Protein backbone atom coordinates (compact mmCIF):
# COMPACT_ATOMS: atom_id res chain seq x y z
CA MET A 1 3.89 -13.70 52.82
CA ARG A 2 1.71 -14.68 49.86
CA VAL A 3 0.13 -17.35 52.10
CA ALA A 4 -0.61 -14.87 54.70
CA VAL A 5 -2.70 -12.32 51.99
CA SER A 6 -4.38 -15.18 50.53
CA LEU A 7 -5.41 -16.39 54.15
CA LEU A 8 -6.50 -12.91 54.92
CA CYS A 9 -8.70 -12.66 51.37
CA LEU A 10 -10.24 -15.94 52.47
CA LEU A 11 -11.29 -14.76 55.85
CA VAL A 12 -12.46 -11.47 54.65
CA LEU A 13 -14.26 -12.81 51.67
CA GLY A 14 -15.50 -16.31 52.79
CA LEU A 15 -15.96 -16.12 56.65
CA ARG A 16 -18.09 -12.75 56.71
CA PRO A 17 -20.72 -13.18 59.12
CA ALA A 18 -24.25 -13.92 57.33
CA GLU A 19 -26.14 -10.63 56.55
CA ALA A 20 -28.66 -10.03 59.23
CA LYS A 21 -32.23 -10.69 58.24
CA PRO A 22 -34.33 -8.60 60.62
CA LEU A 23 -36.85 -10.73 62.67
CA GLN A 24 -40.27 -8.45 62.96
CA HIS A 25 -42.79 -9.15 65.67
CA LEU A 26 -46.28 -8.64 63.94
CA THR A 27 -48.66 -8.24 67.31
CA LEU A 28 -52.64 -8.56 66.60
CA GLN A 29 -55.01 -8.72 69.59
CA GLY A 30 -51.76 -9.08 71.83
CA CYS A 31 -50.85 -12.32 69.68
CA SER A 32 -47.53 -12.42 67.99
CA ALA A 33 -46.28 -14.17 65.04
CA ASN A 34 -42.54 -13.52 63.56
CA ILE A 35 -41.85 -12.78 60.07
CA ARG A 36 -39.03 -11.56 58.18
CA LEU A 37 -40.76 -9.22 55.68
CA LEU A 38 -37.53 -8.14 53.98
CA GLU A 39 -36.72 -12.20 53.21
CA VAL A 40 -40.38 -12.39 51.99
CA ARG A 41 -40.34 -9.60 49.74
CA LYS A 42 -36.98 -10.85 48.28
CA HIS A 43 -38.48 -14.25 47.44
CA LEU A 44 -41.88 -13.00 46.37
CA THR A 45 -39.75 -10.44 44.13
CA ALA A 46 -38.21 -12.99 42.41
CA MET A 47 -41.06 -15.14 41.94
CA LEU A 48 -43.09 -12.54 40.27
CA GLN A 49 -40.69 -12.00 37.76
CA HIS A 50 -42.00 -15.05 36.16
CA VAL A 51 -45.76 -14.17 36.61
CA THR A 52 -48.30 -12.27 34.99
CA ASP A 53 -50.58 -10.35 36.90
CA GLY A 54 -53.73 -11.50 34.88
CA ASP A 55 -57.29 -10.08 34.75
CA PRO A 56 -57.22 -6.46 36.41
CA ASP A 57 -60.74 -6.85 37.17
CA ILE A 58 -60.21 -9.99 39.24
CA ALA A 59 -58.70 -9.56 42.64
CA ILE A 60 -58.12 -12.22 45.19
CA ILE A 61 -57.14 -9.95 47.78
CA THR A 62 -58.03 -6.25 48.05
CA ASN A 63 -56.98 -3.35 50.21
CA ARG A 64 -60.66 -2.75 50.75
CA VAL A 65 -61.05 -5.99 52.33
CA LEU A 66 -57.97 -5.97 54.42
CA ASN A 67 -58.84 -2.57 55.57
CA SER A 68 -62.33 -3.68 56.51
CA VAL A 69 -61.26 -6.40 58.85
CA LYS A 70 -62.13 -5.60 62.32
CA GLU A 71 -59.08 -5.25 64.82
CA SER A 72 -60.56 -7.84 67.09
CA ASP A 73 -60.47 -10.37 63.84
CA ARG A 74 -57.10 -9.48 62.27
CA CYS A 75 -55.14 -12.21 64.09
CA CYS A 76 -57.38 -15.15 62.96
CA PHE A 77 -57.72 -13.26 59.40
CA LEU A 78 -53.97 -13.26 59.17
CA ARG A 79 -54.06 -16.76 60.31
CA GLU A 80 -56.75 -18.15 57.83
CA LEU A 81 -55.03 -16.30 54.77
CA ALA A 82 -51.77 -17.61 55.67
CA GLU A 83 -53.07 -21.18 56.00
CA PHE A 84 -55.14 -20.51 52.54
CA TYR A 85 -51.35 -19.62 50.81
CA VAL A 86 -49.74 -22.59 52.43
CA ARG A 87 -52.62 -25.22 51.46
CA GLY A 88 -54.17 -23.49 48.49
CA VAL A 89 -51.15 -21.59 46.78
CA PHE A 90 -47.73 -22.41 47.54
CA THR A 91 -48.92 -26.20 47.00
CA GLN A 92 -49.48 -25.37 43.31
CA CYS A 93 -46.51 -23.27 42.23
CA ASN A 94 -44.65 -26.24 41.30
CA ALA A 95 -47.19 -27.03 38.64
CA VAL A 96 -47.18 -23.44 37.43
CA LEU A 97 -43.77 -21.76 37.78
CA PRO A 98 -40.29 -22.70 35.89
CA LEU A 99 -37.99 -24.35 38.35
CA HIS A 100 -35.56 -21.30 39.07
CA ALA A 101 -38.72 -19.49 40.21
CA ARG A 102 -40.15 -22.47 42.34
CA LYS A 103 -36.94 -22.62 44.76
CA HIS A 104 -38.24 -19.12 45.97
CA GLY A 105 -41.91 -20.96 47.12
CA SER A 106 -40.66 -22.85 49.39
CA PRO A 107 -39.02 -20.17 51.89
CA LEU A 108 -42.42 -18.44 51.56
CA ALA A 109 -44.16 -21.59 52.05
CA ASN A 110 -42.26 -21.93 55.30
CA THR A 111 -42.49 -18.50 56.67
CA PHE A 112 -46.33 -18.78 56.03
CA TYR A 113 -46.52 -21.91 57.88
CA ILE A 114 -44.48 -20.93 60.98
CA MET A 115 -46.83 -17.50 60.82
CA SER A 116 -50.02 -19.58 60.80
CA GLN A 117 -48.89 -21.84 63.45
CA ASP A 118 -47.66 -18.86 65.80
CA LEU A 119 -51.14 -17.51 65.20
CA GLN A 120 -52.89 -20.68 65.47
CA ALA A 121 -51.35 -20.92 69.08
CA CYS A 122 -52.93 -17.88 70.40
CA GLY A 123 -56.38 -19.53 69.83
CA CYS A 124 -58.05 -16.22 68.05
CA GLU A 125 -61.25 -16.93 66.62
CA CYS A 126 -63.15 -15.14 63.46
CA GLU A 127 -66.40 -13.63 63.67
CA GLY A 128 -68.97 -14.09 60.85
CA ASP A 129 -67.91 -11.37 58.76
CA THR A 130 -64.49 -12.13 58.73
CA LEU A 131 -65.21 -15.79 58.05
CA LEU A 132 -67.26 -14.53 55.25
CA LYS A 133 -64.27 -12.64 53.46
CA ILE A 134 -61.96 -15.50 53.85
CA GLN A 135 -64.55 -17.92 52.07
CA HIS A 136 -64.92 -15.35 49.39
CA ILE A 137 -61.01 -15.00 48.97
CA ARG A 138 -60.97 -19.11 48.74
CA ARG A 139 -63.86 -18.94 46.24
CA THR A 140 -62.36 -16.61 44.02
CA PHE A 141 -59.33 -18.39 43.83
CA GLU A 142 -60.96 -21.80 43.43
CA LYS A 143 -62.91 -20.27 40.49
CA MET A 144 -59.87 -19.24 38.53
CA GLU A 145 -58.03 -21.57 35.95
CA LYS A 146 -55.24 -23.11 38.29
CA GLY A 147 -52.43 -21.29 36.60
CA ALA A 148 -54.13 -17.80 36.58
CA GLY A 149 -55.18 -18.44 40.36
CA VAL A 150 -51.89 -18.95 41.40
CA GLU A 151 -50.27 -16.15 39.56
CA LYS A 152 -52.94 -13.91 40.97
CA ALA A 153 -52.49 -14.89 44.50
CA LEU A 154 -48.95 -14.36 44.44
CA CYS A 155 -49.26 -10.81 42.57
CA ASP A 156 -51.86 -9.94 45.43
CA LEU A 157 -49.48 -11.24 48.06
CA GLU A 158 -47.78 -7.76 47.76
CA ILE A 159 -51.15 -6.15 48.90
CA LEU A 160 -50.98 -8.83 51.97
CA LEU A 161 -47.42 -7.82 52.92
CA SER A 162 -48.14 -4.13 52.67
CA TRP A 163 -51.03 -4.68 54.99
CA MET A 164 -48.84 -6.83 57.55
CA GLU A 165 -46.23 -3.88 57.27
CA HIS A 166 -48.75 -1.39 58.83
CA GLN A 167 -49.75 -3.87 61.56
CA LEU A 168 -46.22 -3.89 62.87
C-alpha cells in the first residue's frame, strides 16, 4: 500500500506534462516569425533584476521610433533589431551581468536568433528611413560605455516586446 501511494505521488509530482508555453505567430507583411513572448518576458524579467535603467535621457529604442516604422518596413525592421540584439547586446551580457543572470540571456538570444532567421527567409528589405532608424539605434548603443549600453538595451527590450505584442 505504501509503495502504491509513493508511486502515485511520484506520478503526480514528477511526471506532470511540461507547462505549455504558447507559441505566437508574429506576422508582418505576410511574413511570419514564431516567438514565445511569455517565455521571453520571464527571462528578461529575471535579467532585469540585476540591471539599472541608467540615464533616463538616453534611449536606444523608443515607442516613438517603433510607432513611426512604416507597415511595409516592419518585417525588415524587426529582423534588423533582432540581429542587433543577437550580435550587439546578448554577446556582451557575459561581461556585464552576474552568472545567475546570464543563464537567462541564452534563451533570449536563441529566441531572437530564430526570429531573425525566420524573418530573413522572407526576403523583406528596408527602405532608407527605416535603415536610418536602425543605424541610429546601433550608434546610440555603440556610443555608450559597454556595460551601460547593454543594460540600457536590455531595459529597452521591454518596449520592443510590447510593440511586438501589438503586432500579433
